[in-house]
Each structure stands twice: as C-alpha cells, then as structure tokens.
Amino acid sequence: MLSTDVKTCDNYLLLAVHLLTDVYESSHDDKYLRQCLAWLELGIQTSPATHQITLLLIYLYSITGGTL
C-alpha cells in the first residue's frame, strides 16, 4: 500500500480511541488519555493520510493543555 492510502486497521484504531476517550471523560484518569495519545501517535506514523487521526490528535492535545 502507498503511504497515502487509508488502511483498513485505521478504523479499528479510531474506534478504540473513541471508546477510551469516553472512559477518560467519565473517570478523568490521565492514564487513559496518555494511552489514546500513544496509540494515535503510532497510527499517524504508519498512516499519515488518515485525517481523522490527525483531527483526534489535535482534539486530545487541546484537552491536555500542555499538562501531560
């Protein structure tokens, strides 16, 4: 596959991160947010063409406010 192709596993990554984000929002435990960011950073390295990953990274980094 080309680096510009959206991979099929990207959707599973996004689903997992959205679910973990829900857990973070209900518990306010930073470990869930850190896990989301780590998974998304790995995902953006392997699939830079997936714009949903980029947007979710921006959203989650804005939540942290530079505190992590």
C-alpha atoms as a PDB file:
ATOM      1  CA  MET A   1       0.000   0.000   0.000  1.00  0.00           C
ATOM      2  CA  LEU A   2       1.034   3.565  -0.567  1.00  0.00           C
ATOM      3  CA  SER A   3       1.576   5.917   2.351  1.00  0.00           C
ATOM      4  CA  THR A   4      -1.334   7.998   1.043  1.00  0.00           C
ATOM      5  CA  ASP A   5      -3.771   5.087   1.266  1.00  0.00           C
ATOM      6  CA  VAL A   6      -6.113   4.819   4.213  1.00  0.00           C
ATOM      7  CA  LYS A   7      -5.544   1.439   5.814  1.00  0.00           C
ATOM      8  CA  THR A   8      -8.398  -0.754   6.996  1.00  0.00           C
ATOM      9  CA  CYS A   9      -6.959  -1.025  10.504  1.00  0.00           C
ATOM     10  CA  ASP A  10      -7.243   2.765  10.934  1.00  0.00           C
ATOM     11  CA  ASN A  11     -10.954   2.446  11.593  1.00  0.00           C
ATOM     12  CA  TYR A  12     -10.319  -0.006  14.433  1.00  0.00           C
ATOM     13  CA  LEU A  13      -7.760   2.351  15.933  1.00  0.00           C
ATOM     14  CA  LEU A  14     -10.210   5.229  15.784  1.00  0.00           C
ATOM     15  CA  LEU A  15     -12.964   3.134  17.348  1.00  0.00           C
ATOM     16  CA  ALA A  16     -10.688   2.044  20.209  1.00  0.00           C
ATOM     17  CA  VAL A  17      -9.519   5.599  20.852  1.00  0.00           C
ATOM     18  CA  HIS A  18     -13.075   6.946  20.865  1.00  0.00           C
ATOM     19  CA  LEU A  19     -14.104   4.297  23.387  1.00  0.00           C
ATOM     20  CA  LEU A  20     -11.068   5.008  25.565  1.00  0.00           C
ATOM     21  CA  THR A  21     -11.797   8.723  25.346  1.00  0.00           C
ATOM     22  CA  ASP A  22     -15.273   8.029  26.727  1.00  0.00           C
ATOM     23  CA  VAL A  23     -13.692   6.140  29.623  1.00  0.00           C
ATOM     24  CA  TYR A  24     -11.352   9.085  30.234  1.00  0.00           C
ATOM     25  CA  GLU A  25     -14.220  11.579  30.228  1.00  0.00           C
ATOM     26  CA  SER A  26     -16.130   9.561  32.820  1.00  0.00           C
ATOM     27  CA  SER A  27     -13.161   8.809  35.100  1.00  0.00           C
ATOM     28  CA  HIS A  28     -10.822  11.810  34.479  1.00  0.00           C
ATOM     29  CA  ASP A  29      -7.857   9.460  34.871  1.00  0.00           C
ATOM     30  CA  ASP A  30      -4.950  10.731  32.759  1.00  0.00           C
ATOM     31  CA  LYS A  31      -3.621   7.246  32.019  1.00  0.00           C
ATOM     32  CA  TYR A  32      -6.464   6.725  29.520  1.00  0.00           C
ATOM     33  CA  LEU A  33      -5.681   9.976  27.774  1.00  0.00           C
ATOM     34  CA  ARG A  34      -1.986   9.089  27.595  1.00  0.00           C
ATOM     35  CA  GLN A  35      -2.854   5.710  26.079  1.00  0.00           C
ATOM     36  CA  CYS A  36      -5.040   7.383  23.446  1.00  0.00           C
ATOM     37  CA  LEU A  37      -2.273   9.789  22.523  1.00  0.00           C
ATOM     38  CA  ALA A  38       0.296   6.992  22.289  1.00  0.00           C
ATOM     39  CA  TRP A  39      -1.933   4.904  20.015  1.00  0.00           C
ATOM     40  CA  LEU A  40      -2.734   7.883  17.797  1.00  0.00           C
ATOM     41  CA  GLU A  41       0.921   8.898  17.523  1.00  0.00           C
ATOM     42  CA  LEU A  42       1.733   5.377  16.380  1.00  0.00           C
ATOM     43  CA  GLY A  43      -1.206   5.448  13.984  1.00  0.00           C
ATOM     44  CA  ILE A  44      -0.149   8.737  12.409  1.00  0.00           C
ATOM     45  CA  GLN A  45       3.334   7.333  11.766  1.00  0.00           C
ATOM     46  CA  THR A  46       2.003   4.282   9.954  1.00  0.00           C
ATOM     47  CA  SER A  47      -0.869   6.018   8.178  1.00  0.00           C
ATOM     48  CA  PRO A  48      -0.259   9.751   7.716  1.00  0.00           C
ATOM     49  CA  ALA A  49      -3.097  10.098   5.199  1.00  0.00           C
ATOM     50  CA  THR A  50      -5.855   9.403   7.718  1.00  0.00           C
ATOM     51  CA  HIS A  51      -7.161  12.842   8.566  1.00  0.00           C
ATOM     52  CA  GLN A  52      -9.412  11.565  11.346  1.00  0.00           C
ATOM     53  CA  ILE A  53      -6.323  10.514  13.309  1.00  0.00           C
ATOM     54  CA  THR A  54      -4.820  13.980  12.884  1.00  0.00           C
ATOM     55  CA  LEU A  55      -8.017  15.704  13.981  1.00  0.00           C
ATOM     56  CA  LEU A  56      -8.390  13.442  17.003  1.00  0.00           C
ATOM     57  CA  LEU A  57      -4.771  14.104  17.998  1.00  0.00           C
ATOM     58  CA  ILE A  58      -5.387  17.848  17.812  1.00  0.00           C
ATOM     59  CA  TYR A  59      -8.522  17.490  19.917  1.00  0.00           C
ATOM     60  CA  LEU A  60      -6.837  15.371  22.580  1.00  0.00           C
ATOM     61  CA  TYR A  61      -3.777  17.601  22.775  1.00  0.00           C
ATOM     62  CA  SER A  62      -6.075  20.593  23.233  1.00  0.00           C
ATOM     63  CA  ILE A  63      -7.724  18.775  26.169  1.00  0.00           C
ATOM     64  CA  THR A  64      -4.362  18.303  27.858  1.00  0.00           C
ATOM     65  CA  GLY A  65      -3.460  21.966  27.610  1.00  0.00           C
ATOM     66  CA  GLY A  66       0.209  21.026  27.783  1.00  0.00           C
ATOM     67  CA  THR A  67      -0.088  19.393  31.194  1.00  0.00           C
ATOM     68  CA  LEU A  68       0.896  15.862  30.174  1.00  0.00           C
END
